[in-house]
Amino acid sequence: MANINQEIMKRTLVINVEDGLNSDGTTKYKGKSFNGIKTDAALDKVYEAGTAIGGLMEKGFKDIGLTEKSELAEA
């Protein structure tokens, strides 16, 4: 089996913010995306930034996510 290298090309921070109520009365959420996250940024710093941004939102936030676009190549 070949060795495969992964190179992260792009990162996006996603903060899920309250967006009203569903018809069944549960809270619905909407993802707010922030592009331009450095590919070598430490995860604890990304989370810290997401928490700080989430705290500035008018409505509360549920969670913080990080999506990555990567390129794979044989080593």
Protein backbone atom coordinates (compact mmCIF):
# COMPACT_ATOMS: atom_id res chain seq x y z
CA MET A 1 0.00 0.00 0.00
CA ALA A 2 1.38 3.43 -0.96
CA ASN A 3 2.14 6.14 1.57
CA ILE A 4 -0.13 9.13 1.12
CA ASN A 5 0.65 12.72 2.16
CA GLN A 6 -2.04 15.24 2.99
CA GLU A 7 -1.61 18.97 2.44
CA ILE A 8 -4.28 21.25 3.89
CA MET A 9 -5.14 23.82 1.23
CA LYS A 10 -7.93 25.78 2.95
CA ARG A 11 -9.58 26.04 6.37
CA THR A 12 -12.94 27.54 7.27
CA LEU A 13 -14.18 28.25 10.79
CA VAL A 14 -17.92 27.57 11.24
CA ILE A 15 -19.88 28.84 14.24
CA ASN A 16 -23.44 27.50 14.62
CA VAL A 17 -25.58 30.38 15.92
CA GLU A 18 -29.18 30.29 17.18
CA ASP A 19 -31.64 31.17 14.42
CA GLY A 20 -35.09 30.97 15.98
CA LEU A 21 -37.30 27.97 16.62
CA ASN A 22 -38.35 24.99 14.55
CA SER A 23 -42.07 24.16 14.25
CA ASP A 24 -41.66 21.59 17.05
CA GLY A 25 -40.29 24.25 19.41
CA THR A 26 -36.64 23.17 19.29
CA THR A 27 -33.92 25.71 18.59
CA LYS A 28 -32.64 25.86 15.03
CA TYR A 29 -29.12 26.95 14.15
CA LYS A 30 -27.44 28.64 11.20
CA GLY A 31 -23.75 28.23 10.38
CA LYS A 32 -21.67 31.40 10.11
CA SER A 33 -18.49 30.80 8.11
CA PHE A 34 -15.16 32.58 8.40
CA ASN A 35 -12.61 31.89 5.65
CA GLY A 36 -8.90 32.57 5.65
CA ILE A 37 -7.94 30.47 8.66
CA LYS A 38 -4.21 29.76 8.42
CA THR A 39 -3.55 26.15 7.49
CA ASP A 40 -0.87 25.86 10.17
CA ALA A 41 -2.87 27.55 12.97
CA ALA A 42 -2.93 25.57 16.21
CA LEU A 43 -6.36 24.05 16.92
CA ASP A 44 -6.50 25.53 20.43
CA LYS A 45 -5.99 29.01 18.96
CA VAL A 46 -8.66 28.43 16.28
CA TYR A 47 -11.09 27.30 19.00
CA GLU A 48 -10.17 30.28 21.18
CA ALA A 49 -10.86 32.65 18.26
CA GLY A 50 -14.16 30.88 17.49
CA THR A 51 -15.26 31.18 21.11
CA ALA A 52 -14.37 34.89 21.15
CA ILE A 53 -16.25 35.55 17.89
CA GLY A 54 -19.22 33.47 19.08
CA GLY A 55 -19.34 35.56 22.26
CA LEU A 56 -19.74 38.69 20.15
CA MET A 57 -22.78 37.30 18.30
CA GLU A 58 -26.16 38.83 19.10
CA LYS A 59 -27.61 35.36 19.68
CA GLY A 60 -26.02 32.41 21.44
CA PHE A 61 -23.94 29.80 19.65
CA LYS A 62 -24.10 26.02 19.88
CA ASP A 63 -20.72 24.84 18.69
CA ILE A 64 -17.62 25.61 16.67
CA GLY A 65 -16.43 23.59 13.68
CA LEU A 66 -13.47 23.63 11.34
CA THR A 67 -13.72 22.39 7.76
CA GLU A 68 -10.61 21.65 5.76
CA LYS A 69 -9.97 21.20 2.07
CA SER A 70 -6.97 18.98 1.50
CA GLU A 71 -4.93 17.67 -1.39
CA LEU A 72 -3.72 14.08 -1.27
CA ALA A 73 -0.67 12.76 -3.10
CA GLU A 74 1.52 9.70 -3.05
CA ALA A 75 4.67 10.13 -1.02
